[in-house]
Protein backbone atom coordinates (compact mmCIF):
# COMPACT_ATOMS: atom_id res chain seq x y z
CA MET A 1 -0.14 -12.51 -0.79
CA GLN A 2 -0.42 -8.87 -0.74
CA CYS A 3 -0.98 -8.66 2.98
CA GLY A 4 2.25 -10.33 3.65
CA ARG A 5 4.24 -8.22 1.35
CA THR A 6 2.86 -5.07 2.89
CA ILE A 7 3.61 -6.11 6.39
CA CYS A 8 7.13 -6.98 5.29
CA ALA A 9 7.69 -3.85 3.51
CA LEU A 10 6.59 -2.01 6.62
CA ILE A 11 10.05 -2.68 8.34
CA CYS A 12 11.83 -1.37 5.42
CA ALA A 13 9.89 1.85 5.32
CA LEU A 14 12.68 3.87 6.98
CA SER A 15 16.15 3.85 5.21
CA ALA A 16 17.72 5.74 8.08
CA SER A 17 17.57 4.40 11.64
CA THR A 18 17.63 6.79 14.25
CA VAL A 19 15.74 5.18 19.99
CA SER A 20 16.09 6.71 23.21
CA ALA A 21 16.23 4.46 26.10
CA GLY A 22 12.93 3.53 27.59
CA ASN A 23 10.95 5.16 24.78
CA LEU A 24 10.21 2.75 21.94
CA LEU A 25 7.62 5.06 20.22
CA ALA A 26 10.08 8.09 19.55
CA LEU A 27 7.99 10.41 21.77
CA THR A 28 8.92 13.86 23.19
CA ASN A 29 7.54 15.16 26.46
CA PRO A 30 6.52 18.87 26.13
CA ALA A 31 7.32 19.35 29.81
CA GLN A 32 11.09 18.85 29.19
CA ILE A 33 11.48 22.26 27.58
CA ALA A 34 10.55 24.43 30.67
CA GLU A 35 14.28 25.35 31.63
CA GLU A 36 15.82 24.93 28.16
CA ARG A 37 17.40 27.89 26.43
CA GLY A 38 19.20 27.05 23.22
CA ILE A 39 19.14 25.66 19.66
CA TYR A 40 18.41 21.94 19.51
CA LEU A 41 18.54 19.13 16.99
CA SER A 42 17.48 15.52 17.64
CA GLY A 43 16.50 12.34 15.96
CA THR A 44 15.26 9.10 17.17
CA ALA A 45 13.96 5.98 15.44
CA PHE A 46 13.14 2.38 16.42
CA LEU A 47 12.55 -0.62 13.87
CA ALA A 48 11.25 -3.91 15.35
CA ASN A 49 9.35 -7.01 14.56
CA ASP A 50 8.47 -10.32 16.40
CA PHE A 51 9.09 -12.89 13.51
CA ALA A 52 12.21 -12.35 11.53
CA PRO A 53 15.52 -10.56 11.24
CA ILE A 54 14.94 -7.10 9.60
CA HIS A 55 16.93 -7.72 6.74
CA GLU A 56 14.65 -10.74 5.98
CA VAL A 57 11.48 -9.22 6.18
CA ARG A 58 11.65 -7.79 2.55
CA ALA A 59 12.99 -10.83 1.36
CA ASP A 60 11.19 -14.29 1.84
CA LEU A 61 11.66 -14.85 5.52
CA ARG A 62 13.85 -18.08 4.59
CA ASP A 63 16.33 -17.71 7.60
CA ASP A 64 15.74 -17.34 11.19
CA TYR A 65 11.91 -17.18 10.95
CA ALA A 66 10.62 -17.48 14.64
CA PRO A 67 7.12 -15.79 15.04
CA ARG A 68 5.30 -15.91 18.35
CA ASP A 69 2.21 -17.89 18.78
CA GLY A 70 -0.72 -15.59 18.40
CA ARG A 71 -0.24 -11.94 17.25
CA ASN A 72 2.82 -10.67 16.01
CA LEU A 73 3.84 -7.10 15.60
CA ALA A 74 5.93 -4.95 13.27
CA LEU A 75 6.64 -1.28 14.48
CA VAL A 76 8.40 1.63 13.13
CA ALA A 77 8.65 4.89 15.04
CA ALA A 78 10.76 7.88 14.01
CA ARG A 79 11.03 11.48 14.91
CA VAL A 80 13.30 14.42 13.84
CA GLU A 81 12.91 17.76 15.49
CA SER A 82 15.04 21.08 15.19
CA GLY A 83 14.26 24.53 16.57
CA PHE A 84 14.97 26.72 19.61
CA ALA A 85 13.64 27.05 23.04
CA TRP A 86 13.62 30.01 25.32
CA GLN A 87 11.81 30.72 28.66
CA GLY A 88 9.45 27.75 28.50
CA PHE A 89 8.62 28.22 24.91
CA ARG A 90 9.65 26.18 21.76
CA ILE A 91 9.31 26.81 18.02
CA GLY A 92 10.85 24.27 15.41
CA ALA A 93 10.22 21.99 12.54
CA LEU A 94 9.67 18.24 12.83
CA TYR A 95 9.49 15.12 10.57
CA ARG A 96 7.71 11.98 11.96
CA GLN A 97 6.96 8.61 10.75
CA GLU A 98 4.87 5.78 12.75
CA TRP A 99 3.92 2.35 11.35
CA LEU A 100 2.23 -0.56 13.35
CA GLY A 101 1.48 -3.79 11.49
CA SER A 102 0.05 -7.00 13.11
CA ALA A 103 -0.72 -10.37 11.85
CA GLN A 104 -1.62 -13.77 13.53
CA ARG A 105 0.97 -16.47 13.24
CA GLU A 106 -0.85 -18.47 10.72
CA THR A 107 -1.04 -15.50 8.36
CA LEU A 108 2.73 -15.28 8.24
CA ASP A 109 3.23 -18.78 7.92
CA LEU A 110 0.98 -18.92 5.02
CA TYR A 111 2.62 -15.94 3.47
CA ARG A 112 6.08 -17.43 4.04
CA ALA A 113 4.98 -20.70 2.32
CA ASN A 114 3.61 -18.92 -0.44
CA ARG A 115 6.91 -16.89 -1.01
CA LEU A 116 9.06 -20.13 -0.84
CA LEU A 117 7.01 -22.21 -2.96
CA PHE A 118 6.28 -24.70 -0.33
CA ASP A 119 3.28 -27.08 -1.21
CA HIS A 120 0.04 -26.41 0.57
CA GLU A 121 -2.20 -29.08 2.02
CA VAL A 122 -4.98 -29.24 -0.41
CA GLY A 123 -8.36 -28.53 1.31
CA ALA A 124 -6.62 -27.00 4.25
CA THR A 125 -8.20 -23.57 5.44
CA THR A 126 -6.07 -20.86 7.05
CA PRO A 127 -7.56 -17.97 8.90
CA ILE A 128 -6.21 -14.51 7.73
CA ASP A 129 -6.08 -11.70 10.44
CA TYR A 130 -3.70 -8.84 9.23
CA ARG A 131 -3.66 -5.05 9.93
CA LEU A 132 -1.54 -2.07 9.15
CA GLY A 133 -1.77 1.48 9.99
CA GLY A 134 0.75 4.37 9.66
CA PHE A 135 1.76 7.74 8.16
CA ALA A 136 4.66 10.07 7.54
CA ALA A 137 4.36 13.95 7.92
CA ARG A 138 6.32 17.08 8.40
CA GLY A 139 5.18 20.18 10.05
CA LEU A 140 5.99 23.15 12.37
CA GLN A 141 5.43 22.94 16.21
CA LEU A 142 5.10 25.41 18.97
CA GLY A 143 5.29 24.35 22.69
CA LYS A 144 4.96 25.86 26.18
CA ALA A 145 5.89 24.52 29.46
CA GLN A 146 5.70 25.86 33.01
CA ARG A 147 7.49 24.86 36.12
CA PHE A 148 5.98 25.15 39.61
CA SER A 149 8.00 24.77 42.73
CA MET A 150 6.27 23.65 46.00
CA ASP A 151 7.44 24.02 49.58
CA SER A 152 7.39 20.34 50.06
CA GLY A 153 10.49 19.99 48.04
CA TRP A 154 8.61 18.75 45.12
CA ALA A 155 8.30 20.49 41.73
CA ILE A 156 5.79 19.83 38.81
CA THR A 157 6.24 20.89 35.16
CA LEU A 158 3.35 20.89 32.73
CA GLY A 159 3.76 21.23 29.00
CA VAL A 160 1.81 21.26 25.77
CA ASN A 161 3.01 21.15 22.28
CA GLY A 162 1.09 21.91 19.07
CA SER A 163 1.90 20.76 15.62
CA LEU A 164 0.62 21.69 12.30
CA LEU A 165 1.37 18.73 9.86
CA GLN A 166 1.40 18.09 6.09
CA GLY A 167 1.07 14.35 5.38
CA GLN A 168 3.61 12.85 3.21
CA LYS A 169 2.81 9.02 3.33
CA LEU A 170 -0.24 7.15 4.28
CA ARG A 171 -1.06 3.41 4.39
CA GLN A 172 -4.07 1.56 6.04
CA GLU A 173 -4.78 -2.16 5.24
CA GLN A 174 -7.00 -4.78 6.61
CA TRP A 175 -7.38 -8.27 5.62
CA SER A 176 -9.73 -10.76 7.30
CA GLY A 177 -11.23 -14.18 6.41
CA ASN A 178 -9.75 -17.45 5.19
CA ALA A 179 -7.50 -18.85 2.65
CA LEU A 180 -8.36 -22.26 1.12
CA ALA A 181 -5.65 -24.27 -0.45
CA THR A 182 -7.23 -25.36 -3.84
CA ALA A 183 -4.02 -27.01 -4.93
CA ALA A 184 -0.32 -27.04 -4.11
CA HIS A 185 0.23 -23.76 -5.04
CA SER A 186 -2.98 -22.23 -5.34
CA LEU A 187 -5.07 -20.32 -2.90
CA SER A 188 -8.73 -18.97 -2.75
CA PHE A 189 -9.39 -16.24 -0.28
CA SER A 190 -12.82 -15.59 1.37
CA GLY A 191 -13.56 -12.30 3.40
CA ASN A 192 -13.12 -8.90 3.30
CA ALA A 193 -10.04 -6.71 2.51
CA MET A 194 -9.31 -2.96 2.42
CA ARG A 195 -6.49 -1.13 1.34
CA VAL A 196 -5.76 2.91 1.10
CA TRP A 197 -2.20 4.26 0.25
CA ALA A 198 -0.66 7.31 -1.15
CA SER A 199 2.83 9.36 -1.04
CA SER A 200 2.54 13.08 -1.42
CA GLY A 201 4.22 14.96 -4.12
CA PHE A 202 3.60 12.29 -6.79
CA ASP A 203 1.11 9.86 -7.59
CA ASP A 204 2.67 6.33 -7.21
CA ILE A 205 -0.22 4.24 -8.18
CA THR A 206 0.84 1.09 -10.15
CA ASN A 207 -2.78 0.43 -11.39
CA THR A 208 -2.66 3.59 -13.60
CA PHE A 209 -5.11 1.62 -16.00
CA VAL A 210 -7.78 1.87 -13.70
CA PRO A 211 -9.88 4.91 -14.58
CA ALA A 212 -10.64 5.71 -10.89
CA TYR A 213 -6.98 6.22 -10.44
CA ARG A 214 -6.07 8.15 -13.39
CA PHE A 215 -6.50 11.53 -12.03
CA GLY A 216 -5.78 12.95 -8.60
CA ALA A 217 -3.02 14.15 -6.25
CA PRO A 218 -3.20 12.45 -2.83
CA GLY A 219 -2.30 14.56 0.15
CA GLY A 220 -3.26 15.54 3.67
CA ASN A 221 -2.90 18.26 6.31
CA GLY A 222 -3.98 18.37 9.97
CA TYR A 223 -2.90 19.23 13.46
CA SER A 224 -1.87 17.41 16.60
CA PHE A 225 -1.44 18.45 20.33
CA ASP A 226 0.90 16.62 22.82
CA LEU A 227 0.68 16.75 26.62
CA GLY A 228 3.39 16.29 29.06
CA MET A 229 3.94 16.24 32.94
CA HIS A 230 7.27 16.09 34.87
CA VAL A 231 6.98 15.67 38.71
CA GLU A 232 10.34 15.47 40.50
CA ARG A 233 11.65 15.48 44.14
CA GLU A 234 14.70 17.03 45.61
CA ASP A 235 16.46 13.78 46.15
CA GLY A 236 16.23 13.02 42.17
CA ALA A 237 13.21 10.81 41.87
CA PHE A 238 10.62 11.80 39.28
CA ILE A 239 7.64 10.68 37.33
CA GLU A 240 7.28 11.65 33.74
CA TRP A 241 3.97 11.15 31.58
CA THR A 242 3.62 11.87 27.97
CA VAL A 243 0.43 11.70 25.86
CA ALA A 244 1.06 12.40 22.25
CA ASP A 245 -1.52 13.22 19.75
CA ALA A 246 -4.04 13.67 22.64
CA ILE A 247 -5.94 15.92 20.37
CA SER A 248 -5.34 15.32 16.59
CA ARG A 249 -7.08 15.31 13.04
CA MET A 250 -5.78 14.69 9.69
CA HIS A 251 -7.69 15.39 6.47
CA TRP A 252 -6.69 13.20 3.51
CA THR A 253 -7.80 13.96 0.05
CA SER A 254 -7.71 12.03 -3.41
CA ILE A 255 -6.46 8.79 -1.66
CA PRO A 256 -6.61 5.59 -3.58
CA GLN A 257 -8.69 2.81 -2.01
CA ILE A 258 -9.51 -0.73 -2.77
CA THR A 259 -12.23 -2.90 -1.18
CA TYR A 260 -12.81 -6.43 -1.57
CA SER A 261 -15.48 -8.78 -0.35
CA GLY A 262 -16.61 -12.25 -1.09
CA SER A 263 -14.44 -14.93 -2.32
CA GLY A 264 -11.96 -15.44 -5.33
CA VAL A 265 -8.74 -17.00 -6.33
CA TYR A 266 -5.56 -15.38 -5.19
CA ASN A 267 -4.85 -12.34 -7.49
CA GLY A 268 -8.04 -13.06 -9.21
CA SER A 269 -11.18 -10.96 -8.92
CA PHE A 270 -13.81 -10.73 -6.17
CA PRO A 271 -17.59 -10.67 -6.43
CA GLU A 272 -17.76 -7.29 -4.85
CA GLY A 273 -15.21 -4.55 -4.65
CA LYS A 274 -14.35 -0.89 -5.46
CA LYS A 275 -11.36 1.07 -6.92
CA TRP A 276 -11.61 4.81 -6.31
CA ARG A 277 -10.28 7.78 -4.54
CA ILE A 278 -11.64 8.98 -1.32
CA ASN A 279 -11.22 11.91 1.04
CA PHE A 280 -11.59 11.14 4.80
CA ASP A 281 -10.66 12.40 8.24
CA GLU A 282 -8.66 10.47 10.93
CA ARG A 283 -7.67 10.94 14.28
CA LEU A 284 -4.25 9.78 15.00
CA PRO A 285 -3.80 6.98 17.66
CA VAL A 286 -3.01 8.28 20.99
CA LYS A 287 0.22 7.24 22.42
CA GLN A 288 1.27 7.22 25.91
CA ALA A 289 4.66 6.91 27.79
CA LEU A 290 5.09 6.66 31.66
CA LEU A 291 8.54 6.83 33.33
CA LEU A 292 9.40 6.33 36.85
CA SER A 293 12.77 7.13 38.28
CA ILE A 294 13.79 6.09 41.80
CA PRO A 295 17.11 6.92 43.19
CA VAL A 296 19.00 3.75 44.86
CA ARG A 297 22.41 5.19 45.10
CA PRO A 298 24.57 5.28 43.36
CA VAL A 299 22.11 4.78 40.34
CA ASN A 300 18.54 5.62 39.56
CA VAL A 301 16.31 2.64 38.71
CA GLU A 302 13.83 3.50 35.99
CA LEU A 303 10.66 1.73 34.94
CA ALA A 304 8.82 2.76 31.96
CA ASP A 305 5.86 1.84 29.63
CA SER A 306 4.81 3.17 26.28
CA VAL A 307 1.39 2.18 24.90
CA LEU A 308 0.14 2.24 21.05
CA ARG A 309 -3.16 0.63 20.08
CA GLY A 310 -3.55 -1.28 23.12
CA ASN A 311 0.03 -2.70 22.85
CA HIS A 312 2.46 -2.20 25.83
CA PHE A 313 6.25 -1.85 25.28
CA PRO A 314 7.73 -1.85 29.11
CA THR A 315 11.35 -1.39 30.05
CA ILE A 316 13.38 -1.43 33.09
CA GLY A 317 16.81 0.28 33.32
CA LEU A 318 19.51 2.08 35.21
CA ARG A 319 20.94 5.58 34.84
CA LYS A 320 24.12 6.88 36.56
CA GLU A 321 25.09 10.65 36.82
CA TYR A 322 28.46 11.44 36.69
CA SER A 323 30.42 14.71 37.17
CA TYR A 324 31.05 17.33 34.36
CA GLY A 325 27.65 16.78 33.00
CA MET A 326 27.96 13.25 32.02
CA SER A 327 25.50 10.47 32.39
CA ALA A 328 25.05 6.79 31.39
CA GLN A 329 21.87 4.66 30.96
CA MET A 330 21.08 1.04 30.31
CA ASP A 331 17.89 -0.43 29.85
CA TYR A 332 15.92 -3.69 28.79
CA ASP A 333 12.78 -3.75 26.49
CA PHE A 334 10.41 -6.78 27.43
CA ARG A 335 8.51 -6.79 24.00
CA PHE A 336 11.33 -7.16 21.67
CA ARG A 337 14.15 -8.06 24.17
CA THR A 338 16.33 -5.32 23.29
CA VAL A 339 19.02 -3.75 25.48
CA GLY A 340 19.60 0.00 25.29
CA ILE A 341 22.68 1.90 26.07
CA GLY A 342 22.82 5.56 26.29
CA LEU A 343 25.51 8.28 26.88
CA ALA A 344 25.31 11.96 27.41
CA TYR A 345 27.99 14.70 27.79
CA ARG A 346 26.74 18.12 28.28
CA ALA A 347 25.03 19.24 25.06
CA PHE A 348 25.19 15.84 23.15
CA HIS A 349 23.54 12.50 23.58
CA ILE A 350 23.43 9.27 21.82
CA GLY A 351 21.87 5.90 22.29
CA PHE A 352 21.72 2.61 20.46
CA ARG A 353 19.57 -0.57 21.28
CA THR A 354 19.30 -3.88 19.55
CA ASP A 355 18.28 -7.59 20.39
CA THR A 356 21.53 -8.87 19.41
CA ILE A 357 25.08 -7.71 18.76
CA LYS A 358 25.08 -9.60 15.35
CA LEU A 359 22.94 -6.91 13.49
CA ALA A 360 22.61 -9.33 10.51
CA GLN A 361 20.23 -11.40 12.70
CA ALA A 362 18.67 -8.55 14.70
CA HIS A 363 14.59 -8.34 14.92
CA ALA A 364 15.02 -4.86 16.34
CA TYR A 365 17.25 -1.91 16.65
CA GLY A 366 17.18 1.82 16.97
CA LEU A 367 19.45 4.92 17.32
CA ASP A 368 18.87 8.08 19.13
CA MET A 369 21.14 11.33 18.85
CA GLY A 370 20.73 14.88 19.92
CA ILE A 371 22.75 18.11 20.42
CA LYS A 372 21.83 21.37 22.01
CA PHE A 373 23.61 24.79 21.91
CA ASP A 374 22.63 26.85 25.00
CA PHE A 375 22.70 30.48 25.07
């Protein structure tokens, strides 16, 4: 089924994996730049799903297939940034990708059975509920942060970051309805389906014979504003809050769209549907991250949560500060059951997370790296 192929292709959307501990959505807090002075380069990414090892997702889900009951998620979040910061200002370039897919277990089971040529129970009806949304973009960003010290021993830093974005990729899909097994290897779908997709710079439409797709150069442009706050106490306790894409708009042009409604045999025709190109505006989904760090000597206990489209990704961890500008961090992610380990030494930091040391069986993994040269 096309919906199954897409959610599986989602996990393979990034060829390079680059995740900071406690932040599964690859977010950057604009308040962090208040006292930075230097050139920076950082990259972070996280790939995860609930139902199969990542290397199996693009295959047929034959091995180690273990979806959770109810809704299963597939997530990709990545960001690469480079630029310089000075006296609370930041200017630089960025590249970002984010994809979130969800499907009910019954939908995944049906997709897997279809791929492995298992016999369907003739006459059985399976509910279909699948959604995917995501994009990739590059752009320029400008940020400003200001620190305010208070007599009580507390300090608060506020930050804002604005980005001008050029869309590189787009995909939005929805399938809802029912699949009826009309024979051992034949399905009939009834319901509604919608798909829009594009890659900037070239038109990669496979249905080039369709007149509506013959001409057009898909693309997108827009902007986004992120907000950040950092409140800290003299003893090292702090709270950090990030609101990414708090205000945003992307304008997409000449985007191919397919819509279906009614019923029809799998890969056959539907009574009603359209294949055309559309222009549309969208607001990027707001993403939030909250981090609480509490000193419990000799370490800091850190509680964090990130939220995307109503999905929570909580973590708990420990951070230890050493002399000579060195620190170490470890945390546990409750959604995908990954363990993250991070090390920092002066201008360089690196972090890695996974749900198993056997990467061939990993359902989730990520990498976070960065370097900064002060002046």
